[in-house]
Structures are given as C-alpha cells and as structure tokens.
Amino acid sequence: MTHSAPSVDAEVLESSVVDEALLLRLLRRAGRAVARPALECLEMLLDPDTPPTAKLTVLAALTYLLVPLDVIPDFIPAAGFSDDLVAMTALLGVCGRHRSEAVRMRAQRRLDRWFPLGR
C-alpha cells in the first residue's frame, strides 16, 4: 500500500500582481531589524574602548551560535536550545553593558549604508 502526497498546483504570480518596490522596502526593513544587533556587536568588537574580556565573550558566544555543533543537540526536545539560550544571554548581557553611544552611532551609519530605506 503506497501513499502519495496530494498534488498541489502552484500558481505563479505575474510581476504586475506583486508590487516589487513594496516587497524590496519590506525586505530592507526586515534586514535592518536583523542586521542592527549584529552590526552593534561588530562595532563593539572593533571599538578600542571595549574591554578584551567583553570582546572575547562576544566572539565566543557568536562562534557557539554559528557553529553547527552543540553541547546539547538542538533536536532534543526542550533541552536542545538551552545551551544556545545561555550563549544568547551572555551575548546580550555583554552587549548591554559595553555598547556605547559611539558604537550605536557607527552601527547605525553602517546600517543606513547597507540597508537604505529611501528607495
């Protein structure tokens, strides 16, 4: 007895149906929301006033979050993301203590260059 997946006809939308300019603006806004904290971390790492221990914590947390190997594999229910949560908590704590106004401003300038909104 074989079961086949139900057939679905996909409808392709014509570009005249999709407002591409609106879609581009939405994608830029979403990109900005994701990019802002990442750029603030980058600027913090580049800032000579950020203490070396804070830089090390940021690098360690980002590396742990980006490397696919985990202490507790993510597929384990409930516990799988607990180690990622610890890394995120460390990252957010360090960023909250060491993110200066100068770091925020440099990150904002870079964000505006990379994700312009006025188009």
C-alpha atoms as a PDB file:
ATOM      1  CA  MET A   1       0.000   0.000   0.000  1.00  0.00           C
ATOM      2  CA  THR A   2       1.643   3.220  -1.104  1.00  0.00           C
ATOM      3  CA  HIS A   3       0.550   6.674  -0.155  1.00  0.00           C
ATOM      4  CA  SER A   4       1.363   9.546  -2.416  1.00  0.00           C
ATOM      5  CA  ALA A   5       1.404  13.156  -1.398  1.00  0.00           C
ATOM      6  CA  PRO A   6      -1.575  15.156  -2.612  1.00  0.00           C
ATOM      7  CA  SER A   7      -0.914  17.080  -5.781  1.00  0.00           C
ATOM      8  CA  VAL A   8      -0.820  20.841  -5.439  1.00  0.00           C
ATOM      9  CA  ASP A   9      -0.926  23.195  -8.371  1.00  0.00           C
ATOM     10  CA  ALA A  10       1.210  26.228  -7.665  1.00  0.00           C
ATOM     11  CA  GLU A  11       0.129  29.458  -9.217  1.00  0.00           C
ATOM     12  CA  VAL A  12       2.913  31.733 -10.362  1.00  0.00           C
ATOM     13  CA  LEU A  13       2.122  35.375  -9.803  1.00  0.00           C
ATOM     14  CA  GLU A  14       2.888  37.791 -12.553  1.00  0.00           C
ATOM     15  CA  SER A  15       5.237  40.616 -11.612  1.00  0.00           C
ATOM     16  CA  SER A  16       2.392  43.032 -12.347  1.00  0.00           C
ATOM     17  CA  VAL A  17       0.483  41.493  -9.402  1.00  0.00           C
ATOM     18  CA  VAL A  18       3.371  41.907  -6.940  1.00  0.00           C
ATOM     19  CA  ASP A  19       4.480  45.411  -6.013  1.00  0.00           C
ATOM     20  CA  GLU A  20       8.218  44.764  -6.240  1.00  0.00           C
ATOM     21  CA  ALA A  21       9.162  48.161  -4.805  1.00  0.00           C
ATOM     22  CA  LEU A  22       6.996  47.482  -1.744  1.00  0.00           C
ATOM     23  CA  LEU A  23       8.484  43.997  -1.372  1.00  0.00           C
ATOM     24  CA  LEU A  24      12.015  45.410  -1.572  1.00  0.00           C
ATOM     25  CA  ARG A  25      11.186  48.010   1.112  1.00  0.00           C
ATOM     26  CA  LEU A  26       9.727  45.284   3.368  1.00  0.00           C
ATOM     27  CA  LEU A  27      12.800  43.088   2.901  1.00  0.00           C
ATOM     28  CA  ARG A  28      15.086  46.015   3.680  1.00  0.00           C
ATOM     29  CA  ARG A  29      13.166  46.760   6.878  1.00  0.00           C
ATOM     30  CA  ALA A  30      13.334  43.110   7.940  1.00  0.00           C
ATOM     31  CA  GLY A  31      17.020  43.034   7.081  1.00  0.00           C
ATOM     32  CA  ARG A  32      17.606  46.158   9.142  1.00  0.00           C
ATOM     33  CA  ALA A  33      15.885  44.624  12.165  1.00  0.00           C
ATOM     34  CA  VAL A  34      18.105  41.542  11.984  1.00  0.00           C
ATOM     35  CA  ALA A  35      21.269  43.417  11.000  1.00  0.00           C
ATOM     36  CA  ARG A  36      21.169  46.128  13.707  1.00  0.00           C
ATOM     37  CA  PRO A  37      22.224  43.948  16.681  1.00  0.00           C
ATOM     38  CA  ALA A  38      24.785  42.126  14.527  1.00  0.00           C
ATOM     39  CA  LEU A  39      26.326  45.427  13.426  1.00  0.00           C
ATOM     40  CA  GLU A  40      26.360  46.691  17.005  1.00  0.00           C
ATOM     41  CA  CYS A  41      28.299  43.554  18.002  1.00  0.00           C
ATOM     42  CA  LEU A  42      30.693  44.121  15.111  1.00  0.00           C
ATOM     43  CA  GLU A  43      31.262  47.748  16.078  1.00  0.00           C
ATOM     44  CA  MET A  44      31.772  46.707  19.701  1.00  0.00           C
ATOM     45  CA  LEU A  45      34.440  44.246  18.603  1.00  0.00           C
ATOM     46  CA  LEU A  46      36.169  46.944  16.530  1.00  0.00           C
ATOM     47  CA  ASP A  47      35.927  49.591  19.262  1.00  0.00           C
ATOM     48  CA  PRO A  48      39.252  50.093  21.068  1.00  0.00           C
ATOM     49  CA  ASP A  49      37.372  51.048  24.249  1.00  0.00           C
ATOM     50  CA  THR A  50      35.652  47.656  24.532  1.00  0.00           C
ATOM     51  CA  PRO A  51      37.473  45.599  27.187  1.00  0.00           C
ATOM     52  CA  PRO A  52      39.283  42.492  25.881  1.00  0.00           C
ATOM     53  CA  THR A  53      37.184  40.196  28.100  1.00  0.00           C
ATOM     54  CA  ALA A  54      33.976  41.596  26.592  1.00  0.00           C
ATOM     55  CA  LYS A  55      35.350  41.094  23.070  1.00  0.00           C
ATOM     56  CA  LEU A  56      36.290  37.519  23.929  1.00  0.00           C
ATOM     57  CA  THR A  57      32.805  36.819  25.338  1.00  0.00           C
ATOM     58  CA  VAL A  58      31.132  38.245  22.220  1.00  0.00           C
ATOM     59  CA  LEU A  59      33.381  36.200  19.921  1.00  0.00           C
ATOM     60  CA  ALA A  60      32.844  33.021  21.949  1.00  0.00           C
ATOM     61  CA  ALA A  61      29.052  33.441  22.058  1.00  0.00           C
ATOM     62  CA  LEU A  62      28.781  34.270  18.342  1.00  0.00           C
ATOM     63  CA  THR A  63      31.043  31.362  17.430  1.00  0.00           C
ATOM     64  CA  TYR A  64      28.993  28.967  19.546  1.00  0.00           C
ATOM     65  CA  LEU A  65      25.751  30.196  17.983  1.00  0.00           C
ATOM     66  CA  LEU A  66      27.067  29.972  14.417  1.00  0.00           C
ATOM     67  CA  VAL A  67      28.919  26.647  14.583  1.00  0.00           C
ATOM     68  CA  PRO A  68      26.571  23.739  13.874  1.00  0.00           C
ATOM     69  CA  LEU A  69      27.961  21.567  16.695  1.00  0.00           C
ATOM     70  CA  ASP A  70      26.259  21.935  20.073  1.00  0.00           C
ATOM     71  CA  VAL A  71      26.927  20.619  23.566  1.00  0.00           C
ATOM     72  CA  ILE A  72      23.244  19.638  23.673  1.00  0.00           C
ATOM     73  CA  PRO A  73      21.921  18.793  20.171  1.00  0.00           C
ATOM     74  CA  ASP A  74      19.017  21.004  19.097  1.00  0.00           C
ATOM     75  CA  PHE A  75      16.825  18.025  18.154  1.00  0.00           C
ATOM     76  CA  ILE A  76      16.447  17.040  21.836  1.00  0.00           C
ATOM     77  CA  PRO A  77      13.049  18.386  22.936  1.00  0.00           C
ATOM     78  CA  ALA A  78      13.111  21.295  25.410  1.00  0.00           C
ATOM     79  CA  ALA A  79      16.782  20.905  26.355  1.00  0.00           C
ATOM     80  CA  GLY A  80      18.108  21.237  22.803  1.00  0.00           C
ATOM     81  CA  PHE A  81      18.093  25.006  22.697  1.00  0.00           C
ATOM     82  CA  SER A  82      19.055  25.604  26.335  1.00  0.00           C
ATOM     83  CA  ASP A  83      22.763  25.848  25.533  1.00  0.00           C
ATOM     84  CA  ASP A  84      22.007  28.332  22.737  1.00  0.00           C
ATOM     85  CA  LEU A  85      19.944  30.326  25.218  1.00  0.00           C
ATOM     86  CA  VAL A  86      22.942  30.529  27.564  1.00  0.00           C
ATOM     87  CA  ALA A  87      25.125  31.835  24.711  1.00  0.00           C
ATOM     88  CA  MET A  88      22.460  34.393  23.729  1.00  0.00           C
ATOM     89  CA  THR A  89      22.081  35.527  27.337  1.00  0.00           C
ATOM     90  CA  ALA A  90      25.847  36.039  27.636  1.00  0.00           C
ATOM     91  CA  LEU A  91      25.909  37.937  24.353  1.00  0.00           C
ATOM     92  CA  LEU A  92      23.002  40.184  25.287  1.00  0.00           C
ATOM     93  CA  GLY A  93      24.440  40.868  28.741  1.00  0.00           C
ATOM     94  CA  VAL A  94      27.851  41.871  27.416  1.00  0.00           C
ATOM     95  CA  CYS A  95      26.337  43.977  24.649  1.00  0.00           C
ATOM     96  CA  GLY A  96      24.059  45.712  27.115  1.00  0.00           C
ATOM     97  CA  ARG A  97      26.965  46.678  29.374  1.00  0.00           C
ATOM     98  CA  HIS A  98      29.532  47.656  26.750  1.00  0.00           C
ATOM     99  CA  ARG A  99      27.520  49.079  23.838  1.00  0.00           C
ATOM    100  CA  SER A 100      28.362  52.771  23.959  1.00  0.00           C
ATOM    101  CA  GLU A 101      26.597  55.594  22.157  1.00  0.00           C
ATOM    102  CA  ALA A 102      29.559  55.822  19.752  1.00  0.00           C
ATOM    103  CA  VAL A 103      29.173  52.107  18.938  1.00  0.00           C
ATOM    104  CA  ARG A 104      25.434  52.588  18.351  1.00  0.00           C
ATOM    105  CA  MET A 105      26.045  55.564  16.061  1.00  0.00           C
ATOM    106  CA  ARG A 106      28.691  53.765  13.974  1.00  0.00           C
ATOM    107  CA  ALA A 107      26.421  50.723  13.670  1.00  0.00           C
ATOM    108  CA  GLN A 108      23.523  52.963  12.610  1.00  0.00           C
ATOM    109  CA  ARG A 109      25.638  54.650   9.914  1.00  0.00           C
ATOM    110  CA  ARG A 110      26.737  51.268   8.567  1.00  0.00           C
ATOM    111  CA  LEU A 111      23.129  50.013   8.708  1.00  0.00           C
ATOM    112  CA  ASP A 112      21.933  53.047   6.726  1.00  0.00           C
ATOM    113  CA  ARG A 113      24.616  52.430   4.080  1.00  0.00           C
ATOM    114  CA  TRP A 114      23.906  48.705   3.774  1.00  0.00           C
ATOM    115  CA  PHE A 115      20.099  48.881   4.051  1.00  0.00           C
ATOM    116  CA  PRO A 116      18.920  52.217   2.636  1.00  0.00           C
ATOM    117  CA  LEU A 117      15.222  52.912   3.195  1.00  0.00           C
ATOM    118  CA  GLY A 118      14.641  55.813   0.838  1.00  0.00           C
ATOM    119  CA  ARG A 119      14.374  53.780  -2.370  1.00  0.00           C
END
